[in-house]
Structures are given as structure tokens and as C-alpha cells.
PDB file of N, CA and C in Angstrom:
ATOM      1  N   UNK A   1       0.917  -1.249  -0.145  1.00  0.00           N
ATOM      2  CA  UNK A   1       0.061   0.249   0.182  1.00  0.00           C
ATOM      3  C   UNK A   1       0.528   0.874   0.168  1.00  0.00           C
ATOM      4  N   UNK A   2       1.627   1.164   0.957  1.00  0.00           N
ATOM      5  CA  UNK A   2       2.921   2.369   1.085  1.00  0.00           C
ATOM      6  C   UNK A   2       3.550   2.793  -0.389  1.00  0.00           C
ATOM      7  N   UNK A   3       3.789   1.568  -1.573  1.00  0.00           N
ATOM      8  CA  UNK A   3       4.798   1.690  -2.479  1.00  0.00           C
ATOM      9  C   UNK A   3       3.677   2.431  -3.323  1.00  0.00           C
ATOM     10  N   UNK A   4       2.557   1.971  -3.404  1.00  0.00           N
ATOM     11  CA  UNK A   4       1.166   2.288  -3.780  1.00  0.00           C
ATOM     12  C   UNK A   4       0.745   4.104  -4.002  1.00  0.00           C
ATOM     13  N   UNK A   5       1.247   4.284  -2.569  1.00  0.00           N
ATOM     14  CA  UNK A   5       0.771   5.589  -2.057  1.00  0.00           C
ATOM     15  C   UNK A   5       1.864   6.657  -3.100  1.00  0.00           C
ATOM     16  N   UNK A   6       3.268   6.368  -3.012  1.00  0.00           N
ATOM     17  CA  UNK A   6       4.369   6.802  -4.103  1.00  0.00           C
ATOM     18  C   UNK A   6       4.554   6.522  -4.654  1.00  0.00           C
ATOM     19  N   UNK A   7       3.743   5.977  -5.238  1.00  0.00           N
ATOM     20  CA  UNK A   7       3.257   5.570  -7.273  1.00  0.00           C
ATOM     21  C   UNK A   7       2.872   6.704  -7.044  1.00  0.00           C
ATOM     22  N   UNK A   8       1.322   6.992  -7.030  1.00  0.00           N
ATOM     23  CA  UNK A   8       0.739   7.855  -6.994  1.00  0.00           C
ATOM     24  C   UNK A   8       0.718   9.183  -7.063  1.00  0.00           C
ATOM     25  N   UNK A   9       2.100   9.433  -5.624  1.00  0.00           N
ATOM     26  CA  UNK A   9       2.371  10.570  -5.526  1.00  0.00           C
ATOM     27  C   UNK A   9       3.114  10.700  -6.609  1.00  0.00           C
ATOM     28  N   UNK A  10       4.027  10.446  -7.053  1.00  0.00           N
ATOM     29  CA  UNK A  10       5.066  10.247  -8.093  1.00  0.00           C
ATOM     30  C   UNK A  10       4.530  11.095  -9.655  1.00  0.00           C
ATOM     31  N   UNK A  11       3.573   9.970  -9.847  1.00  0.00           N
ATOM     32  CA  UNK A  11       2.466  10.681 -10.919  1.00  0.00           C
ATOM     33  C   UNK A  11       2.044  12.114 -10.910  1.00  0.00           C
ATOM     34  N   UNK A  12       1.300  12.124  -9.710  1.00  0.00           N
ATOM     35  CA  UNK A  12       0.670  13.424  -9.475  1.00  0.00           C
ATOM     36  C   UNK A  12       1.814  14.710  -9.848  1.00  0.00           C
ATOM     37  N   UNK A  13       3.232  14.482  -8.766  1.00  0.00           N
ATOM     38  CA  UNK A  13       3.930  15.211  -9.165  1.00  0.00           C
ATOM     39  C   UNK A  13       4.458  15.812 -10.655  1.00  0.00           C
ATOM     40  N   UNK A  14       4.654  14.584 -11.217  1.00  0.00           N
ATOM     41  CA  UNK A  14       4.957  14.496 -12.688  1.00  0.00           C
ATOM     42  C   UNK A  14       4.509  15.550 -13.746  1.00  0.00           C
ATOM     43  N   UNK A  15       3.255  15.560 -13.033  1.00  0.00           N
ATOM     44  CA  UNK A  15       2.118  16.104 -14.462  1.00  0.00           C
ATOM     45  C   UNK A  15       1.811  17.640 -13.008  1.00  0.00           C
ATOM     46  N   UNK A  16       1.981  17.648 -12.405  1.00  0.00           N
ATOM     47  CA  UNK A  16       1.712  18.815 -12.157  1.00  0.00           C
ATOM     48  C   UNK A  16       2.685  20.083 -12.686  1.00  0.00           C
ATOM     49  N   UNK A  17       1.801  21.486 -12.798  1.00  0.00           N
ATOM     50  CA  UNK A  17       2.839  22.180 -13.669  1.00  0.00           C
ATOM     51  C   UNK A  17       3.263  23.102 -12.490  1.00  0.00           C
ATOM     52  N   UNK A  18       4.284  23.748 -12.885  1.00  0.00           N
ATOM     53  CA  UNK A  18       4.794  24.186 -12.020  1.00  0.00           C
ATOM     54  C   UNK A  18       4.313  25.528 -11.567  1.00  0.00           C
ATOM     55  N   UNK A  19       4.615  25.890  -9.860  1.00  0.00           N
ATOM     56  CA  UNK A  19       3.993  26.683  -9.607  1.00  0.00           C
ATOM     57  C   UNK A  19       4.641  27.948  -8.637  1.00  0.00           C
ATOM     58  N   UNK A  20       4.272  29.118  -8.122  1.00  0.00           N
ATOM     59  CA  UNK A  20       4.919  29.720  -7.179  1.00  0.00           C
ATOM     60  C   UNK A  20       5.322  29.027  -5.809  1.00  0.00           C
ATOM     61  N   UNK A  21       6.280  29.203  -5.255  1.00  0.00           N
ATOM     62  CA  UNK A  21       6.733  28.659  -3.760  1.00  0.00           C
ATOM     63  C   UNK A  21       5.556  28.509  -3.174  1.00  0.00           C
ATOM     64  N   UNK A  22       5.171  27.811  -2.357  1.00  0.00           N
ATOM     65  CA  UNK A  22       4.140  27.242  -1.390  1.00  0.00           C
ATOM     66  C   UNK A  22       4.565  28.519  -0.146  1.00  0.00           C
ATOM     67  N   UNK A  23       3.591  28.341   0.787  1.00  0.00           N
ATOM     68  CA  UNK A  23       3.769  28.763   2.288  1.00  0.00           C
ATOM     69  C   UNK A  23       4.641  27.550   2.467  1.00  0.00           C
ATOM     70  N   UNK A  24       4.673  26.633   2.927  1.00  0.00           N
ATOM     71  CA  UNK A  24       5.326  25.602   3.183  1.00  0.00           C
ATOM     72  C   UNK A  24       7.229  25.952   2.669  1.00  0.00           C
ATOM     73  N   UNK A  25       7.321  26.328   1.320  1.00  0.00           N
ATOM     74  CA  UNK A  25       8.358  26.287   1.332  1.00  0.00           C
ATOM     75  C   UNK A  25       8.958  27.149   1.430  1.00  0.00           C
ATOM     76  N   UNK A  26       8.228  28.407   1.420  1.00  0.00           N
ATOM     77  CA  UNK A  26       8.700  29.714   1.860  1.00  0.00           C
ATOM     78  C   UNK A  26       9.278  29.742   3.544  1.00  0.00           C
ATOM     79  N   UNK A  27       8.253  29.185   4.216  1.00  0.00           N
ATOM     80  CA  UNK A  27       8.803  29.441   5.373  1.00  0.00           C
ATOM     81  C   UNK A  27      10.323  27.995   5.960  1.00  0.00           C
ATOM     82  N   UNK A  28      10.024  26.775   5.053  1.00  0.00           N
ATOM     83  CA  UNK A  28      11.298  26.282   5.230  1.00  0.00           C
ATOM     84  C   UNK A  28      12.690  27.210   4.822  1.00  0.00           C
ATOM     85  N   UNK A  29      12.386  27.598   3.351  1.00  0.00           N
ATOM     86  CA  UNK A  29      13.410  28.275   3.042  1.00  0.00           C
ATOM     87  C   UNK A  29      14.200  29.427   3.749  1.00  0.00           C
ATOM     88  N   UNK A  30      12.903  30.044   5.000  1.00  0.00           N
ATOM     89  CA  UNK A  30      13.610  30.775   5.774  1.00  0.00           C
ATOM     90  C   UNK A  30      14.657  30.307   7.061  1.00  0.00           C
ATOM     91  N   UNK A  31      13.822  29.227   6.997  1.00  0.00           N
ATOM     92  CA  UNK A  31      14.451  28.652   8.204  1.00  0.00           C
ATOM     93  C   UNK A  31      16.241  28.707   8.038  1.00  0.00           C
ATOM     94  N   UNK A  32      16.582  28.220   9.490  1.00  0.00           N
ATOM     95  CA  UNK A  32      17.951  27.693   9.565  1.00  0.00           C
ATOM     96  C   UNK A  32      18.314  26.345   8.802  1.00  0.00           C
ATOM     97  N   UNK A  33      17.523  25.568   8.462  1.00  0.00           N
ATOM     98  CA  UNK A  33      17.650  24.131   8.104  1.00  0.00           C
ATOM     99  C   UNK A  33      17.108  24.130   6.709  1.00  0.00           C
ATOM    100  N   UNK A  34      16.081  25.165   6.455  1.00  0.00           N
ATOM    101  CA  UNK A  34      16.417  24.919   4.871  1.00  0.00           C
ATOM    102  C   UNK A  34      17.401  26.066   4.137  1.00  0.00           C
ATOM    103  N   UNK A  35      17.901  26.230   4.583  1.00  0.00           N
ATOM    104  CA  UNK A  35      18.624  27.915   4.102  1.00  0.00           C
ATOM    105  C   UNK A  35      19.381  26.928   3.218  1.00  0.00           C
ATOM    106  N   UNK A  36      19.426  27.360   1.558  1.00  0.00           N
ATOM    107  CA  UNK A  36      20.194  27.171   0.444  1.00  0.00           C
ATOM    108  C   UNK A  36      19.494  25.339   0.529  1.00  0.00           C
ATOM    109  N   UNK A  37      18.786  25.067   0.670  1.00  0.00           N
ATOM    110  CA  UNK A  37      17.770  23.967   0.209  1.00  0.00           C
ATOM    111  C   UNK A  37      16.931  23.380  -0.194  1.00  0.00           C
ATOM    112  N   UNK A  38      16.702  24.664  -1.794  1.00  0.00           N
ATOM    113  CA  UNK A  38      15.962  24.951  -2.190  1.00  0.00           C
ATOM    114  C   UNK A  38      15.075  23.265  -3.083  1.00  0.00           C
ATOM    115  N   UNK A  39      15.806  22.490  -3.237  1.00  0.00           N
ATOM    116  CA  UNK A  39      15.541  21.570  -3.838  1.00  0.00           C
ATOM    117  C   UNK A  39      14.365  20.388  -2.921  1.00  0.00           C
ATOM    118  N   UNK A  40      14.577  20.596  -1.813  1.00  0.00           N
ATOM    119  CA  UNK A  40      14.449  19.545  -0.716  1.00  0.00           C
ATOM    120  C   UNK A  40      12.585  20.601   0.420  1.00  0.00           C
ATOM    121  N   UNK A  41      13.368  22.034  -0.064  1.00  0.00           N
ATOM    122  CA  UNK A  41      12.176  22.747   0.359  1.00  0.00           C
ATOM    123  C   UNK A  41      10.874  22.373  -0.609  1.00  0.00           C
ATOM    124  N   UNK A  42      11.411  22.331  -1.553  1.00  0.00           N
ATOM    125  CA  UNK A  42      10.309  22.606  -2.254  1.00  0.00           C
ATOM    126  C   UNK A  42       9.853  21.199  -2.679  1.00  0.00           C
ATOM    127  N   UNK A  43      10.641  19.479  -2.232  1.00  0.00           N
ATOM    128  CA  UNK A  43       9.810  18.190  -2.431  1.00  0.00           C
ATOM    129  C   UNK A  43       9.165  18.762  -1.486  1.00  0.00           C
ATOM    130  N   UNK A  44       9.444  19.430   0.107  1.00  0.00           N
ATOM    131  CA  UNK A  44       8.366  19.304   0.867  1.00  0.00           C
ATOM    132  C   UNK A  44       6.795  19.910   1.112  1.00  0.00           C
ATOM    133  N   UNK A  45       7.465  20.923   0.093  1.00  0.00           N
ATOM    134  CA  UNK A  45       6.173  21.856  -0.638  1.00  0.00           C
ATOM    135  C   UNK A  45       5.170  20.564  -1.547  1.00  0.00           C
ATOM    136  N   UNK A  46       5.669  20.117  -2.343  1.00  0.00           N
ATOM    137  CA  UNK A  46       5.208  19.152  -2.790  1.00  0.00           C
ATOM    138  C   UNK A  46       4.134  18.052  -2.125  1.00  0.00           C
ATOM    139  N   UNK A  47       5.175  17.391  -1.473  1.00  0.00           N
ATOM    140  CA  UNK A  47       4.036  16.394  -0.389  1.00  0.00           C
ATOM    141  C   UNK A  47       2.634  17.381   0.408  1.00  0.00           C
ATOM    142  N   UNK A  48       3.260  18.614   0.459  1.00  0.00           N
ATOM    143  CA  UNK A  48       1.955  19.869   1.246  1.00  0.00           C
ATOM    144  C   UNK A  48       1.069  19.823   0.446  1.00  0.00           C
ATOM    145  N   UNK A  49       1.093  20.143  -0.814  1.00  0.00           N
ATOM    146  CA  UNK A  49       0.228  19.993  -1.653  1.00  0.00           C
ATOM    147  C   UNK A  49      -0.436  19.202  -1.918  1.00  0.00           C
ATOM    148  N   UNK A  50      -0.015  17.850  -1.637  1.00  0.00           N
ATOM    149  CA  UNK A  50      -1.141  16.684  -1.728  1.00  0.00           C
ATOM    150  C   UNK A  50      -1.555  15.948  -0.652  1.00  0.00           C
ATOM    151  N   UNK A  51      -1.231  16.651   0.629  1.00  0.00           N
ATOM    152  CA  UNK A  51      -1.982  16.379   1.660  1.00  0.00           C
ATOM    153  C   UNK A  51      -2.505  17.348   2.679  1.00  0.00           C
ATOM    154  N   UNK A  52      -2.178  18.611   2.455  1.00  0.00           N
ATOM    155  CA  UNK A  52      -2.652  19.641   3.205  1.00  0.00           C
ATOM    156  C   UNK A  52      -3.405  20.645   2.357  1.00  0.00           C
ATOM    157  N   UNK A  53      -4.337  21.162   2.939  1.00  0.00           N
ATOM    158  CA  UNK A  53      -5.166  21.861   2.251  1.00  0.00           C
ATOM    159  C   UNK A  53      -4.574  23.401   2.383  1.00  0.00           C
ATOM    160  N   UNK A  54      -4.676  24.661   1.534  1.00  0.00           N
ATOM    161  CA  UNK A  54      -4.047  25.842   1.727  1.00  0.00           C
ATOM    162  C   UNK A  54      -4.014  26.419   3.040  1.00  0.00           C
ATOM    163  N   UNK A  55      -4.633  26.313   3.604  1.00  0.00           N
ATOM    164  CA  UNK A  55      -5.508  27.071   5.008  1.00  0.00           C
ATOM    165  C   UNK A  55      -4.527  26.037   6.081  1.00  0.00           C
ATOM    166  N   UNK A  56      -4.683  25.013   5.686  1.00  0.00           N
ATOM    167  CA  UNK A  56      -3.493  24.084   6.952  1.00  0.00           C
ATOM    168  C   UNK A  56      -1.964  24.134   6.488  1.00  0.00           C
ATOM    169  N   UNK A  57      -1.528  24.651   5.126  1.00  0.00           N
ATOM    170  CA  UNK A  57      -0.836  24.752   5.117  1.00  0.00           C
ATOM    171  C   UNK A  57      -0.056  26.478   5.416  1.00  0.00           C
ATOM    172  N   UNK A  58      -0.833  27.188   5.557  1.00  0.00           N
ATOM    173  CA  UNK A  58      -0.528  28.397   6.358  1.00  0.00           C
ATOM    174  C   UNK A  58      -0.483  27.832   7.801  1.00  0.00           C
ATOM    175  N   UNK A  59      -0.904  27.076   8.501  1.00  0.00           N
ATOM    176  CA  UNK A  59      -0.608  26.932   9.807  1.00  0.00           C
ATOM    177  C   UNK A  59       0.667  26.368  10.195  1.00  0.00           C
ATOM    178  N   UNK A  60       0.866  25.026   9.027  1.00  0.00           N
ATOM    179  CA  UNK A  60       1.747  24.494   9.559  1.00  0.00           C
ATOM    180  C   UNK A  60       3.591  25.142   9.030  1.00  0.00           C
ATOM    181  N   UNK A  61       3.437  26.193   8.248  1.00  0.00           N
ATOM    182  CA  UNK A  61       4.201  27.289   7.939  1.00  0.00           C
ATOM    183  C   UNK A  61       4.506  27.972   9.208  1.00  0.00           C
ATOM    184  N   UNK A  62       3.278  28.581   9.963  1.00  0.00           N
ATOM    185  CA  UNK A  62       3.520  29.161  11.159  1.00  0.00           C
ATOM    186  C   UNK A  62       4.741  28.265  11.983  1.00  0.00           C
ATOM    187  N   UNK A  63       4.442  26.822  11.901  1.00  0.00           N
ATOM    188  CA  UNK A  63       5.363  26.261  13.356  1.00  0.00           C
ATOM    189  C   UNK A  63       6.838  26.350  12.907  1.00  0.00           C
ATOM    190  N   UNK A  64       7.545  26.808  11.596  1.00  0.00           N
ATOM    191  CA  UNK A  64       8.985  27.220  11.429  1.00  0.00           C
ATOM    192  C   UNK A  64       9.373  28.367  12.318  1.00  0.00           C
ATOM    193  N   UNK A  65       8.430  28.839  12.589  1.00  0.00           N
ATOM    194  CA  UNK A  65       8.682  30.664  13.225  1.00  0.00           C
ATOM    195  C   UNK A  65       8.334  30.792  14.278  1.00  0.00           C
ATOM    196  N   UNK A  66       7.205  29.279  15.260  1.00  0.00           N
ATOM    197  CA  UNK A  66       7.038  29.564  16.388  1.00  0.00           C
ATOM    198  C   UNK A  66       6.353  28.110  16.430  1.00  0.00           C
ATOM    199  N   UNK A  67       7.648  27.245  16.882  1.00  0.00           N
ATOM    200  CA  UNK A  67       7.426  25.716  17.353  1.00  0.00           C
ATOM    201  C   UNK A  67       6.377  25.602  18.432  1.00  0.00           C
ATOM    202  N   UNK A  68       6.420  26.913  19.586  1.00  0.00           N
ATOM    203  CA  UNK A  68       5.679  26.487  20.273  1.00  0.00           C
ATOM    204  C   UNK A  68       4.037  26.160  19.957  1.00  0.00           C
ATOM    205  N   UNK A  69       3.602  26.777  19.279  1.00  0.00           N
ATOM    206  CA  UNK A  69       2.681  26.731  18.091  1.00  0.00           C
ATOM    207  C   UNK A  69       1.766  25.805  17.956  1.00  0.00           C
ATOM    208  N   UNK A  70       2.667  24.663  17.726  1.00  0.00           N
ATOM    209  CA  UNK A  70       3.049  23.160  16.921  1.00  0.00           C
ATOM    210  C   UNK A  70       2.379  22.785  18.383  1.00  0.00           C
ATOM    211  N   UNK A  71       3.314  22.658  19.823  1.00  0.00           N
ATOM    212  CA  UNK A  71       3.034  22.353  20.286  1.00  0.00           C
ATOM    213  C   UNK A  71       1.504  22.281  21.209  1.00  0.00           C
ATOM    214  N   UNK A  72       1.048  23.286  21.211  1.00  0.00           N
ATOM    215  CA  UNK A  72      -0.153  23.889  21.393  1.00  0.00           C
ATOM    216  C   UNK A  72      -1.168  23.409  20.375  1.00  0.00           C
ATOM    217  N   UNK A  73      -1.051  23.491  18.944  1.00  0.00           N
ATOM    218  CA  UNK A  73      -2.218  22.555  18.342  1.00  0.00           C
ATOM    219  C   UNK A  73      -1.654  21.198  18.587  1.00  0.00           C
ATOM    220  N   UNK A  74      -1.188  20.620  18.840  1.00  0.00           N
ATOM    221  CA  UNK A  74      -0.586  19.264  19.015  1.00  0.00           C
ATOM    222  C   UNK A  74      -1.557  18.211  20.372  1.00  0.00           C
ATOM    223  N   UNK A  75      -1.555  19.472  21.468  1.00  0.00           N
ATOM    224  CA  UNK A  75      -2.178  19.033  22.737  1.00  0.00           C
ATOM    225  C   UNK A  75      -3.385  19.647  22.865  1.00  0.00           C
ATOM    226  N   UNK A  76      -4.446  20.494  21.838  1.00  0.00           N
ATOM    227  CA  UNK A  76      -5.332  20.988  21.593  1.00  0.00           C
ATOM    228  C   UNK A  76      -6.505  19.632  22.298  1.00  0.00           C
ATOM    229  N   UNK A  77      -7.134  20.410  22.643  1.00  0.00           N
ATOM    230  CA  UNK A  77      -8.627  19.507  22.613  1.00  0.00           C
ATOM    231  C   UNK A  77      -9.769  19.974  21.909  1.00  0.00           C
ATOM    232  N   UNK A  78      -9.527  20.659  21.111  1.00  0.00           N
ATOM    233  CA  UNK A  78     -10.986  20.940  19.753  1.00  0.00           C
ATOM    234  C   UNK A  78     -10.524  20.093  18.725  1.00  0.00           C
ATOM    235  N   UNK A  79     -11.749  19.535  18.495  1.00  0.00           N
ATOM    236  CA  UNK A  79     -11.366  18.709  17.117  1.00  0.00           C
ATOM    237  C   UNK A  79     -11.073  19.241  15.913  1.00  0.00           C
ATOM    238  N   UNK A  80     -11.459  20.620  15.651  1.00  0.00           N
ATOM    239  CA  UNK A  80     -10.233  21.095  14.579  1.00  0.00           C
ATOM    240  C   UNK A  80      -8.696  20.905  14.323  1.00  0.00           C
ATOM    241  N   UNK A  81      -8.370  21.097  15.623  1.00  0.00           N
ATOM    242  CA  UNK A  81      -6.986  20.845  15.777  1.00  0.00           C
ATOM    243  C   UNK A  81      -6.556  19.240  16.226  1.00  0.00           C
ATOM    244  N   UNK A  82      -7.681  18.829  16.272  1.00  0.00           N
ATOM    245  CA  UNK A  82      -6.970  16.931  16.425  1.00  0.00           C
ATOM    246  C   UNK A  82      -7.035  16.838  15.010  1.00  0.00           C
ATOM    247  N   UNK A  83      -7.703  16.947  14.108  1.00  0.00           N
ATOM    248  CA  UNK A  83      -8.287  16.344  12.872  1.00  0.00           C
ATOM    249  C   UNK A  83      -6.690  17.203  11.550  1.00  0.00           C
ATOM    250  N   UNK A  84      -6.915  18.306  12.183  1.00  0.00           N
ATOM    251  CA  UNK A  84      -5.521  19.261  11.298  1.00  0.00           C
ATOM    252  C   UNK A  84      -4.249  18.139  11.739  1.00  0.00           C
ATOM    253  N   UNK A  85      -4.085  18.103  12.861  1.00  0.00           N
ATOM    254  CA  UNK A  85      -2.870  17.445  13.203  1.00  0.00           C
ATOM    255  C   UNK A  85      -2.850  15.930  12.853  1.00  0.00           C
ATOM    256  N   UNK A  86      -4.088  15.014  12.273  1.00  0.00           N
ATOM    257  CA  UNK A  86      -3.520  13.711  11.766  1.00  0.00           C
ATOM    258  C   UNK A  86      -3.626  13.918  10.086  1.00  0.00           C
ATOM    259  N   UNK A  87      -3.782  15.502   9.989  1.00  0.00           N
ATOM    260  CA  UNK A  87      -3.436  15.479   8.038  1.00  0.00           C
ATOM    261  C   UNK A  87      -1.825  15.635   8.628  1.00  0.00           C
ATOM    262  N   UNK A  88      -1.751  16.307   9.538  1.00  0.00           N
ATOM    263  CA  UNK A  88      -0.328  16.820   9.387  1.00  0.00           C
ATOM    264  C   UNK A  88       1.154  15.980   9.832  1.00  0.00           C
ATOM    265  N   UNK A  89       0.215  14.953  10.354  1.00  0.00           N
ATOM    266  CA  UNK A  89       1.119  13.419  10.743  1.00  0.00           C
ATOM    267  C   UNK A  89       1.472  12.873   9.311  1.00  0.00           C
ATOM    268  N   UNK A  90       0.303  12.631   8.331  1.00  0.00           N
ATOM    269  CA  UNK A  90       0.398  12.740   7.186  1.00  0.00           C
ATOM    270  C   UNK A  90       1.255  12.915   6.081  1.00  0.00           C
ATOM    271  N   UNK A  91       1.192  14.427   6.441  1.00  0.00           N
ATOM    272  CA  UNK A  91       1.906  15.297   5.732  1.00  0.00           C
ATOM    273  C   UNK A  91       4.023  14.780   6.175  1.00  0.00           C
ATOM    274  N   UNK A  92       3.583  14.835   6.975  1.00  0.00           N
ATOM    275  CA  UNK A  92       5.202  14.545   7.824  1.00  0.00           C
ATOM    276  C   UNK A  92       5.725  13.124   7.109  1.00  0.00           C
ATOM    277  N   UNK A  93       4.611  12.165   7.302  1.00  0.00           N
ATOM    278  CA  UNK A  93       5.138  10.720   6.837  1.00  0.00           C
ATOM    279  C   UNK A  93       5.642  10.987   5.700  1.00  0.00           C
ATOM    280  N   UNK A  94       4.534  11.569   4.307  1.00  0.00           N
ATOM    281  CA  UNK A  94       4.213  11.555   3.030  1.00  0.00           C
ATOM    282  C   UNK A  94       5.935  12.097   2.850  1.00  0.00           C
ATOM    283  N   UNK A  95       6.359  13.828   3.318  1.00  0.00           N
ATOM    284  CA  UNK A  95       6.903  14.097   3.114  1.00  0.00           C
ATOM    285  C   UNK A  95       8.463  13.411   3.249  1.00  0.00           C
ATOM    286  N   UNK A  96       8.424  12.852   4.512  1.00  0.00           N
ATOM    287  CA  UNK A  96      10.043  12.225   4.744  1.00  0.00           C
ATOM    288  C   UNK A  96      10.209  10.566   3.582  1.00  0.00           C
ATOM    289  N   UNK A  97       9.231   9.999   3.099  1.00  0.00           N
ATOM    290  CA  UNK A  97       8.888   8.991   2.484  1.00  0.00           C
ATOM    291  C   UNK A  97       9.632   9.402   0.829  1.00  0.00           C
ATOM    292  N   UNK A  98       8.647  10.595   0.658  1.00  0.00           N
ATOM    293  CA  UNK A  98       8.953  11.049  -1.020  1.00  0.00           C
ATOM    294  C   UNK A  98      10.346  11.880  -0.957  1.00  0.00           C
ATOM    295  N   UNK A  99      10.918  12.561   0.084  1.00  0.00           N
ATOM    296  CA  UNK A  99      11.927  13.694   0.056  1.00  0.00           C
ATOM    297  C   UNK A  99      13.257  13.042   0.697  1.00  0.00           C
ATOM    298  N   UNK A 100      13.417  11.969   1.477  1.00  0.00           N
ATOM    299  CA  UNK A 100      14.514  11.338   1.355  1.00  0.00           C
ATOM    300  C   UNK A 100      15.314   9.907   0.731  1.00  0.00           C
ATOM    301  N   UNK A 101      16.128  10.183  -0.726  1.00  0.00           N
ATOM    302  CA  UNK A 101      16.411   9.682  -1.179  1.00  0.00           C
ATOM    303  C   UNK A 101      18.098   9.681  -1.089  1.00  0.00           C
TER     304      UNK A 101
END
């Protein structure tokens, strides 16, 4: 199943039209770890485009500058935060599989 997901993701990414940098890519590039890592940050953005809504991406991008916010969302009892965190974990897993080569 995991291999199938990666294959589907590869097809989607191969046929996607190039776009301007997204919220995740911009936040990544501005971070210490993302400095001069355009291809990695772009790959992470591709994973975000597949797994997160634009609103989710803006929230996730805010974690680069404010890691405490991520902790607050993760431990929140609000159903919307719990749902977001499930999608965010899926995004992280997708980025890890797709971007670790």
C-alpha cells in the first residue's frame, strides 16, 4: 500500500504544473535548516500540496517560526486541531518518504 501511495504521488507531481513557492516552501527556505536547500524545501512543499489544504499549509508554515504553536495545536482538545494534526502527521510521513532519497 505504501509503495502504491508513493507511485500515485510521483505521477501527480510529475504532471503538476510548476507554481510559485508555497507557504511551506517559503517558511522552509527562511528557516536555518532550509537555508540553501531549495530542492528539499520544494519537495516538502510538493508533499504539502498533496496532503494539506491551503489553510492547513499556512498553519503548518507558522510552525517554522513558532514551534511552540505546533505544541499547542498538537495538545489541543479542539476537534478541528485534532483533525488538523492527523493531516499534519500524514503530511510529515509523506514528506519523509518522498523527500528522503
